[in-house]
Amino acid sequence: MDKKVLGLIVIAVIFLISVIFAVISVTRLVSLAGYNKASVGIGTAIFSADIADTESERDKGLSGRSSLADDRAMLFRFDVPAVPVFWMKDMKFPLDIIWIRNGKVVGYVTDIYPEPGVSERDIKRYSPSTPIDMALEVPAGSVGRYGVSIGDGVTVGGKEIR
């Protein structure tokens, strides 16, 4: 084999290895930075939701984002039923929060607005009146727009939750 062909083969192998490492690196960054996703249905509404099911994901929530499209949401899942506390720290847009237990809407809070300039100590907190296993944050006005009611069933990924 002549040196020219051998040199081209070596360059091709090095290039291929570089591409493989680049793909692996980008894939890892995307999986670390991104949330799992699922469709969430309540009544006639279907939202494409980011799922926050780890403590760090739940702590961050939607804070820091500039907006949320009408068909988008964030689904907070809890391993055991709890009475979590939500607030609008570092939020830039208003929300409705829908409280869910055993696949049913058990309550909601509507038209929650960010409180810029309010100290962390004084920012309003929002909690369900009963333990929940999920909470869905949706754009403000969604509860009214879609007629969400207590007792409505909730699907995640097209499957009923029990």
N, C-alpha and C. Protein backbone atom coordinates (compact mmCIF):
# COMPACT_ATOMS: atom_id res chain seq x y z
N MET A 1 0.85 -1.18 0.00
CA MET A 1 0.00 0.00 0.00
C MET A 1 0.90 1.24 0.00
N ASP A 2 0.58 2.17 -0.84
CA ASP A 2 1.48 3.32 -0.87
C ASP A 2 1.16 4.30 0.25
N LYS A 3 2.12 5.15 0.53
CA LYS A 3 2.03 6.06 1.67
C LYS A 3 0.86 7.04 1.53
N LYS A 4 0.52 7.43 0.32
CA LYS A 4 -0.58 8.37 0.11
C LYS A 4 -1.91 7.76 0.56
N VAL A 5 -2.17 6.52 0.16
CA VAL A 5 -3.40 5.84 0.53
C VAL A 5 -3.45 5.61 2.04
N LEU A 6 -2.34 5.19 2.62
CA LEU A 6 -2.27 4.96 4.06
C LEU A 6 -2.53 6.27 4.81
N GLY A 7 -1.97 7.37 4.34
CA GLY A 7 -2.20 8.67 4.96
C GLY A 7 -3.67 9.07 4.92
N LEU A 8 -4.33 8.83 3.78
CA LEU A 8 -5.76 9.14 3.65
C LEU A 8 -6.60 8.28 4.60
N ILE A 9 -6.24 7.03 4.75
CA ILE A 9 -6.96 6.15 5.66
C ILE A 9 -6.81 6.64 7.10
N VAL A 10 -5.62 7.02 7.50
CA VAL A 10 -5.39 7.54 8.85
C VAL A 10 -6.20 8.81 9.08
N ILE A 11 -6.20 9.71 8.12
CA ILE A 11 -6.98 10.96 8.25
C ILE A 11 -8.47 10.64 8.35
N ALA A 12 -8.95 9.71 7.55
CA ALA A 12 -10.37 9.33 7.59
C ALA A 12 -10.75 8.74 8.94
N VAL A 13 -9.88 7.88 9.49
CA VAL A 13 -10.15 7.28 10.81
C VAL A 13 -10.16 8.36 11.89
N ILE A 14 -9.21 9.27 11.86
CA ILE A 14 -9.17 10.36 12.84
C ILE A 14 -10.43 11.23 12.73
N PHE A 15 -10.84 11.54 11.50
CA PHE A 15 -12.04 12.33 11.28
C PHE A 15 -13.26 11.60 11.83
N LEU A 16 -13.38 10.32 11.55
CA LEU A 16 -14.52 9.53 12.02
C LEU A 16 -14.56 9.49 13.55
N ILE A 17 -13.44 9.30 14.19
CA ILE A 17 -13.38 9.30 15.66
C ILE A 17 -13.78 10.66 16.21
N SER A 18 -13.34 11.74 15.57
CA SER A 18 -13.71 13.10 16.00
C SER A 18 -15.21 13.31 15.91
N VAL A 19 -15.81 12.87 14.82
CA VAL A 19 -17.26 13.01 14.65
C VAL A 19 -18.00 12.22 15.72
N ILE A 20 -17.56 11.01 15.99
CA ILE A 20 -18.22 10.19 17.02
C ILE A 20 -18.14 10.88 18.38
N PHE A 21 -16.98 11.39 18.76
CA PHE A 21 -16.86 12.09 20.05
C PHE A 21 -17.71 13.35 20.09
N ALA A 22 -17.79 14.07 18.98
CA ALA A 22 -18.63 15.28 18.94
C ALA A 22 -20.10 14.93 19.15
N VAL A 23 -20.58 13.88 18.49
CA VAL A 23 -21.97 13.45 18.64
C VAL A 23 -22.25 13.02 20.08
N ILE A 24 -21.35 12.26 20.66
CA ILE A 24 -21.52 11.83 22.05
C ILE A 24 -21.55 13.03 22.98
N SER A 25 -20.68 13.99 22.79
CA SER A 25 -20.63 15.18 23.65
C SER A 25 -21.91 15.99 23.54
N VAL A 26 -22.39 16.23 22.33
CA VAL A 26 -23.62 17.01 22.14
C VAL A 26 -24.80 16.26 22.74
N THR A 27 -24.89 14.96 22.54
CA THR A 27 -25.98 14.16 23.10
C THR A 27 -25.99 14.25 24.62
N ARG A 28 -24.82 14.15 25.24
CA ARG A 28 -24.75 14.25 26.70
C ARG A 28 -25.18 15.63 27.17
N LEU A 29 -24.74 16.69 26.50
CA LEU A 29 -25.12 18.04 26.90
C LEU A 29 -26.62 18.23 26.78
N VAL A 30 -27.22 17.76 25.69
CA VAL A 30 -28.66 17.92 25.52
C VAL A 30 -29.41 17.14 26.59
N SER A 31 -28.99 15.92 26.88
CA SER A 31 -29.71 15.13 27.89
C SER A 31 -29.53 15.71 29.29
N LEU A 32 -28.38 16.33 29.57
CA LEU A 32 -28.20 16.94 30.88
C LEU A 32 -29.00 18.23 31.01
N ALA A 33 -29.10 19.00 29.94
CA ALA A 33 -29.76 20.30 29.99
C ALA A 33 -31.26 20.19 29.80
N GLY A 34 -31.73 19.17 29.15
CA GLY A 34 -33.14 19.07 28.79
C GLY A 34 -33.95 18.25 29.77
N TYR A 35 -35.24 18.48 29.72
CA TYR A 35 -36.19 17.71 30.51
C TYR A 35 -36.76 16.59 29.65
N ASN A 36 -37.23 15.52 30.29
CA ASN A 36 -38.04 14.55 29.57
C ASN A 36 -39.33 15.25 29.20
N LYS A 37 -40.01 14.76 28.18
CA LYS A 37 -41.23 15.41 27.71
C LYS A 37 -42.36 14.41 27.58
N ALA A 38 -43.59 14.90 27.71
CA ALA A 38 -44.77 14.06 27.50
C ALA A 38 -45.96 14.95 27.19
N SER A 39 -46.93 14.39 26.50
CA SER A 39 -48.18 15.13 26.30
C SER A 39 -49.02 14.93 27.56
N VAL A 40 -49.67 16.02 28.00
CA VAL A 40 -50.54 15.96 29.17
C VAL A 40 -51.91 16.46 28.74
N GLY A 41 -52.92 15.64 28.96
CA GLY A 41 -54.28 16.00 28.59
C GLY A 41 -55.16 16.20 29.81
N ILE A 42 -55.94 17.29 29.76
CA ILE A 42 -56.96 17.55 30.78
C ILE A 42 -58.17 18.07 30.03
N GLY A 43 -59.28 17.34 30.09
CA GLY A 43 -60.46 17.74 29.32
C GLY A 43 -60.12 17.82 27.86
N THR A 44 -60.39 18.98 27.24
CA THR A 44 -60.12 19.15 25.81
C THR A 44 -58.71 19.67 25.55
N ALA A 45 -57.97 20.00 26.60
CA ALA A 45 -56.63 20.56 26.44
C ALA A 45 -55.58 19.46 26.37
N ILE A 46 -54.62 19.67 25.47
CA ILE A 46 -53.44 18.79 25.42
C ILE A 46 -52.22 19.71 25.39
N PHE A 47 -51.34 19.52 26.36
CA PHE A 47 -50.13 20.32 26.48
C PHE A 47 -48.92 19.45 26.21
N SER A 48 -47.92 20.03 25.57
CA SER A 48 -46.61 19.39 25.45
C SER A 48 -45.83 19.86 26.67
N ALA A 49 -45.54 18.92 27.57
CA ALA A 49 -44.97 19.29 28.87
C ALA A 49 -43.55 18.80 29.05
N ASP A 50 -42.73 19.67 29.63
CA ASP A 50 -41.45 19.25 30.18
C ASP A 50 -41.77 18.61 31.52
N ILE A 51 -41.10 17.51 31.84
CA ILE A 51 -41.37 16.81 33.09
C ILE A 51 -40.26 17.10 34.09
N ALA A 52 -40.67 17.61 35.25
CA ALA A 52 -39.73 17.86 36.35
C ALA A 52 -40.00 16.81 37.41
N ASP A 53 -39.16 15.76 37.43
CA ASP A 53 -39.40 14.71 38.41
C ASP A 53 -38.20 14.44 39.31
N THR A 54 -37.19 15.32 39.24
CA THR A 54 -36.10 15.26 40.22
C THR A 54 -36.15 16.54 41.04
N GLU A 55 -35.54 16.52 42.19
CA GLU A 55 -35.56 17.69 43.07
C GLU A 55 -34.96 18.91 42.37
N SER A 56 -33.84 18.73 41.68
CA SER A 56 -33.22 19.89 41.02
C SER A 56 -34.09 20.42 39.88
N GLU A 57 -34.74 19.54 39.13
CA GLU A 57 -35.64 19.99 38.07
C GLU A 57 -36.85 20.72 38.65
N ARG A 58 -37.39 20.19 39.75
CA ARG A 58 -38.54 20.85 40.38
C ARG A 58 -38.14 22.21 40.96
N ASP A 59 -36.94 22.30 41.53
CA ASP A 59 -36.48 23.58 42.09
C ASP A 59 -36.36 24.63 41.00
N LYS A 60 -35.84 24.27 39.85
CA LYS A 60 -35.66 25.23 38.75
C LYS A 60 -36.99 25.56 38.09
N GLY A 61 -37.80 24.53 37.83
CA GLY A 61 -39.09 24.76 37.19
C GLY A 61 -38.96 25.57 35.92
N LEU A 62 -39.85 26.54 35.75
CA LEU A 62 -39.86 27.39 34.57
C LEU A 62 -39.10 28.70 34.78
N SER A 63 -38.47 28.86 35.94
CA SER A 63 -37.79 30.12 36.22
C SER A 63 -36.70 30.38 35.19
N GLY A 64 -36.56 31.64 34.84
CA GLY A 64 -35.55 32.06 33.90
C GLY A 64 -35.98 32.02 32.45
N ARG A 65 -37.07 31.33 32.14
CA ARG A 65 -37.55 31.31 30.75
C ARG A 65 -38.28 32.62 30.46
N SER A 66 -38.24 33.03 29.21
CA SER A 66 -38.85 34.32 28.87
C SER A 66 -40.34 34.20 28.57
N SER A 67 -40.82 33.02 28.20
CA SER A 67 -42.24 32.85 27.89
C SER A 67 -42.59 31.37 27.87
N LEU A 68 -43.89 31.11 27.69
CA LEU A 68 -44.39 29.74 27.59
C LEU A 68 -45.52 29.76 26.57
N ALA A 69 -45.38 29.01 25.49
CA ALA A 69 -46.40 28.96 24.46
C ALA A 69 -47.71 28.40 25.03
N ASP A 70 -48.82 28.75 24.39
CA ASP A 70 -50.15 28.35 24.88
C ASP A 70 -50.32 26.84 25.00
N ASP A 71 -49.59 26.07 24.20
CA ASP A 71 -49.74 24.61 24.23
C ASP A 71 -48.63 23.91 25.00
N ARG A 72 -47.85 24.69 25.76
CA ARG A 72 -46.72 24.13 26.51
C ARG A 72 -47.03 24.15 28.01
N ALA A 73 -46.31 23.34 28.78
CA ALA A 73 -46.53 23.25 30.23
C ALA A 73 -45.31 22.63 30.88
N MET A 74 -45.32 22.62 32.20
CA MET A 74 -44.34 21.86 32.96
C MET A 74 -45.10 21.00 33.96
N LEU A 75 -44.81 19.71 33.93
CA LEU A 75 -45.44 18.75 34.83
C LEU A 75 -44.46 18.40 35.94
N PHE A 76 -44.85 18.68 37.16
CA PHE A 76 -44.05 18.34 38.34
C PHE A 76 -44.60 17.03 38.89
N ARG A 77 -43.74 16.02 39.00
CA ARG A 77 -44.18 14.73 39.56
C ARG A 77 -43.47 14.50 40.88
N PHE A 78 -44.22 13.97 41.84
CA PHE A 78 -43.69 13.70 43.17
C PHE A 78 -43.80 12.20 43.44
N ASP A 79 -42.75 11.63 44.05
CA ASP A 79 -42.71 10.20 44.33
C ASP A 79 -43.81 9.77 45.29
N VAL A 80 -44.06 10.60 46.29
CA VAL A 80 -45.13 10.33 47.25
C VAL A 80 -46.00 11.58 47.34
N PRO A 81 -47.28 11.44 47.60
CA PRO A 81 -48.14 12.62 47.72
C PRO A 81 -47.58 13.62 48.74
N ALA A 82 -47.62 14.89 48.37
CA ALA A 82 -47.04 15.94 49.20
C ALA A 82 -47.85 17.22 49.05
N VAL A 83 -47.55 18.18 49.90
CA VAL A 83 -48.13 19.52 49.79
C VAL A 83 -46.96 20.46 49.48
N PRO A 84 -46.55 20.50 48.20
CA PRO A 84 -45.40 21.32 47.83
C PRO A 84 -45.73 22.81 47.86
N VAL A 85 -44.67 23.60 47.90
CA VAL A 85 -44.81 25.06 47.88
C VAL A 85 -44.24 25.56 46.56
N PHE A 86 -45.03 26.35 45.84
CA PHE A 86 -44.60 26.96 44.59
C PHE A 86 -44.54 28.47 44.78
N TRP A 87 -43.64 29.11 44.03
CA TRP A 87 -43.56 30.56 44.05
C TRP A 87 -43.11 31.03 42.67
N MET A 88 -43.14 32.33 42.47
CA MET A 88 -42.83 32.91 41.16
C MET A 88 -41.44 33.54 41.11
N LYS A 89 -40.53 33.00 41.91
CA LYS A 89 -39.15 33.53 41.92
C LYS A 89 -38.53 33.37 40.53
N ASP A 90 -37.94 34.46 40.03
CA ASP A 90 -37.27 34.49 38.74
C ASP A 90 -38.17 34.17 37.55
N MET A 91 -39.48 34.32 37.73
CA MET A 91 -40.43 34.10 36.63
C MET A 91 -40.64 35.39 35.85
N LYS A 92 -40.93 35.23 34.56
CA LYS A 92 -41.10 36.39 33.69
C LYS A 92 -42.48 36.44 33.04
N PHE A 93 -43.35 35.50 33.38
CA PHE A 93 -44.69 35.46 32.78
C PHE A 93 -45.66 34.81 33.77
N PRO A 94 -46.95 35.10 33.64
CA PRO A 94 -47.94 34.56 34.58
C PRO A 94 -48.32 33.11 34.26
N LEU A 95 -48.81 32.43 35.28
CA LEU A 95 -49.16 31.01 35.17
C LEU A 95 -50.49 30.69 35.84
N ASP A 96 -51.04 29.54 35.49
CA ASP A 96 -52.05 28.83 36.28
C ASP A 96 -51.34 27.56 36.76
N ILE A 97 -51.65 27.12 37.96
CA ILE A 97 -51.12 25.84 38.46
C ILE A 97 -52.30 24.93 38.73
N ILE A 98 -52.24 23.72 38.18
CA ILE A 98 -53.29 22.73 38.35
C ILE A 98 -52.76 21.63 39.26
N TRP A 99 -53.46 21.39 40.38
CA TRP A 99 -53.06 20.37 41.35
C TRP A 99 -53.71 19.05 40.97
N ILE A 100 -52.95 17.95 40.98
CA ILE A 100 -53.42 16.65 40.51
C ILE A 100 -53.10 15.57 41.53
N ARG A 101 -54.06 14.68 41.76
CA ARG A 101 -53.84 13.52 42.64
C ARG A 101 -54.56 12.33 42.05
N ASN A 102 -53.85 11.23 41.92
CA ASN A 102 -54.40 9.98 41.38
C ASN A 102 -55.11 10.19 40.04
N GLY A 103 -54.51 11.01 39.18
CA GLY A 103 -55.04 11.20 37.85
C GLY A 103 -56.26 12.09 37.74
N LYS A 104 -56.56 12.85 38.79
CA LYS A 104 -57.72 13.76 38.78
C LYS A 104 -57.30 15.15 39.25
N VAL A 105 -57.92 16.16 38.67
CA VAL A 105 -57.69 17.53 39.12
C VAL A 105 -58.35 17.69 40.49
N VAL A 106 -57.55 18.13 41.49
CA VAL A 106 -58.09 18.32 42.84
C VAL A 106 -58.13 19.80 43.23
N GLY A 107 -57.62 20.66 42.35
CA GLY A 107 -57.66 22.09 42.61
C GLY A 107 -56.77 22.82 41.63
N TYR A 108 -56.80 24.14 41.73
CA TYR A 108 -55.94 24.96 40.87
C TYR A 108 -55.87 26.38 41.42
N VAL A 109 -54.86 27.09 40.95
CA VAL A 109 -54.69 28.51 41.26
C VAL A 109 -54.51 29.17 39.90
N THR A 110 -55.24 30.25 39.65
CA THR A 110 -55.18 30.88 38.34
C THR A 110 -54.56 32.28 38.41
N ASP A 111 -54.05 32.68 37.27
CA ASP A 111 -53.51 34.03 37.08
C ASP A 111 -52.52 34.44 38.17
N ILE A 112 -51.49 33.66 38.31
CA ILE A 112 -50.41 33.96 39.25
C ILE A 112 -49.36 34.78 38.48
N TYR A 113 -49.07 35.95 38.98
CA TYR A 113 -48.16 36.85 38.27
C TYR A 113 -46.80 36.93 38.97
N PRO A 114 -45.73 37.14 38.17
CA PRO A 114 -44.40 37.36 38.74
C PRO A 114 -44.43 38.58 39.66
N GLU A 115 -43.51 38.61 40.60
CA GLU A 115 -43.43 39.72 41.54
C GLU A 115 -42.02 40.32 41.49
N PRO A 116 -41.68 41.00 40.39
CA PRO A 116 -40.34 41.57 40.28
C PRO A 116 -40.12 42.63 41.36
N GLY A 117 -38.94 42.64 41.91
CA GLY A 117 -38.61 43.63 42.92
C GLY A 117 -39.06 43.27 44.33
N VAL A 118 -39.79 42.17 44.49
CA VAL A 118 -40.22 41.73 45.82
C VAL A 118 -39.14 40.81 46.37
N SER A 119 -38.80 40.99 47.64
CA SER A 119 -37.75 40.16 48.24
C SER A 119 -38.21 38.70 48.30
N GLU A 120 -37.24 37.78 48.29
CA GLU A 120 -37.57 36.35 48.37
C GLU A 120 -38.46 36.05 49.57
N ARG A 121 -38.19 36.72 50.67
CA ARG A 121 -38.96 36.49 51.89
C ARG A 121 -40.44 36.84 51.71
N ASP A 122 -40.71 37.84 50.85
CA ASP A 122 -42.08 38.34 50.71
C ASP A 122 -42.83 37.84 49.48
N ILE A 123 -42.16 37.05 48.62
CA ILE A 123 -42.85 36.53 47.44
C ILE A 123 -43.96 35.58 47.91
N LYS A 124 -45.15 35.70 47.30
CA LYS A 124 -46.27 34.84 47.65
C LYS A 124 -45.94 33.38 47.36
N ARG A 125 -46.45 32.51 48.22
CA ARG A 125 -46.29 31.06 48.04
C ARG A 125 -47.66 30.46 47.74
N TYR A 126 -47.65 29.38 46.95
CA TYR A 126 -48.89 28.71 46.54
C TYR A 126 -48.75 27.22 46.82
N SER A 127 -49.74 26.66 47.49
CA SER A 127 -49.74 25.22 47.81
C SER A 127 -51.16 24.68 47.66
N PRO A 128 -51.27 23.40 47.34
CA PRO A 128 -52.59 22.79 47.29
C PRO A 128 -53.14 22.60 48.70
N SER A 129 -54.44 22.46 48.79
CA SER A 129 -55.06 22.27 50.11
C SER A 129 -55.00 20.82 50.57
N THR A 130 -54.57 19.93 49.69
CA THR A 130 -54.49 18.51 50.00
C THR A 130 -53.22 17.96 49.33
N PRO A 131 -52.67 16.85 49.82
CA PRO A 131 -51.48 16.29 49.17
C PRO A 131 -51.76 15.94 47.70
N ILE A 132 -50.77 16.16 46.86
CA ILE A 132 -50.87 15.88 45.43
C ILE A 132 -49.69 15.00 45.00
N ASP A 133 -49.82 14.39 43.84
CA ASP A 133 -48.68 13.65 43.29
C ASP A 133 -48.16 14.30 42.00
N MET A 134 -48.91 15.30 41.49
CA MET A 134 -48.46 16.05 40.32
C MET A 134 -49.01 17.47 40.37
N ALA A 135 -48.28 18.37 39.75
CA ALA A 135 -48.77 19.74 39.53
C ALA A 135 -48.42 20.09 38.10
N LEU A 136 -49.32 20.79 37.44
CA LEU A 136 -49.09 21.20 36.06
C LEU A 136 -49.12 22.72 35.98
N GLU A 137 -47.99 23.30 35.57
CA GLU A 137 -47.93 24.74 35.34
C GLU A 137 -48.22 25.00 33.87
N VAL A 138 -49.21 25.86 33.62
CA VAL A 138 -49.64 26.18 32.27
C VAL A 138 -49.73 27.70 32.14
N PRO A 139 -49.78 28.21 30.91
CA PRO A 139 -49.90 29.66 30.75
C PRO A 139 -51.15 30.19 31.46
N ALA A 140 -51.04 31.38 32.04
CA ALA A 140 -52.17 32.00 32.74
C ALA A 140 -53.38 32.05 31.80
N GLY A 141 -54.55 31.76 32.36
CA GLY A 141 -55.79 31.77 31.59
C GLY A 141 -56.17 30.42 31.02
N SER A 142 -55.26 29.43 31.08
CA SER A 142 -55.54 28.11 30.50
C SER A 142 -56.68 27.39 31.21
N VAL A 143 -56.74 27.51 32.54
CA VAL A 143 -57.81 26.82 33.29
C VAL A 143 -59.17 27.29 32.77
N GLY A 144 -59.35 28.59 32.63
CA GLY A 144 -60.61 29.12 32.11
C GLY A 144 -60.82 28.83 30.64
N ARG A 145 -59.78 29.00 29.85
CA ARG A 145 -59.87 28.80 28.39
C ARG A 145 -60.31 27.38 28.05
N TYR A 146 -59.81 26.40 28.81
CA TYR A 146 -60.12 25.01 28.52
C TYR A 146 -61.20 24.43 29.44
N GLY A 147 -61.75 25.25 30.32
CA GLY A 147 -62.82 24.78 31.21
C GLY A 147 -62.37 23.69 32.16
N VAL A 148 -61.14 23.77 32.64
CA VAL A 148 -60.64 22.76 33.58
C VAL A 148 -61.45 22.82 34.87
N SER A 149 -61.88 21.66 35.35
CA SER A 149 -62.70 21.59 36.57
C SER A 149 -62.15 20.54 37.52
N ILE A 150 -62.43 20.73 38.79
CA ILE A 150 -62.06 19.72 39.80
C ILE A 150 -62.76 18.42 39.43
N GLY A 151 -62.01 17.34 39.47
CA GLY A 151 -62.53 16.02 39.11
C GLY A 151 -62.20 15.60 37.69
N ASP A 152 -61.75 16.55 36.85
CA ASP A 152 -61.35 16.18 35.49
C ASP A 152 -60.23 15.16 35.51
N GLY A 153 -60.28 14.20 34.60
CA GLY A 153 -59.22 13.21 34.47
C GLY A 153 -58.00 13.80 33.76
N VAL A 154 -56.84 13.24 34.06
CA VAL A 154 -55.58 13.70 33.48
C VAL A 154 -54.90 12.51 32.82
N THR A 155 -54.41 12.74 31.60
CA THR A 155 -53.61 11.71 30.91
C THR A 155 -52.19 12.23 30.75
N VAL A 156 -51.25 11.32 30.82
CA VAL A 156 -49.84 11.64 30.56
C VAL A 156 -49.36 10.66 29.51
N GLY A 157 -48.88 11.19 28.39
CA GLY A 157 -48.46 10.32 27.30
C GLY A 157 -49.61 9.52 26.73
N GLY A 158 -50.82 10.07 26.80
CA GLY A 158 -52.00 9.41 26.27
C GLY A 158 -52.59 8.34 27.16
N LYS A 159 -52.01 8.15 28.36
CA LYS A 159 -52.50 7.11 29.26
C LYS A 159 -53.14 7.73 30.49
N GLU A 160 -54.25 7.16 30.93
CA GLU A 160 -54.89 7.62 32.16
C GLU A 160 -53.98 7.33 33.34
N ILE A 161 -54.02 8.21 34.32
CA ILE A 161 -53.23 8.05 35.53
C ILE A 161 -54.15 7.60 36.64
N ARG A 162 -53.72 6.67 37.43
CA ARG A 162 -54.53 6.21 38.56
C ARG A 162 -53.75 6.33 39.84
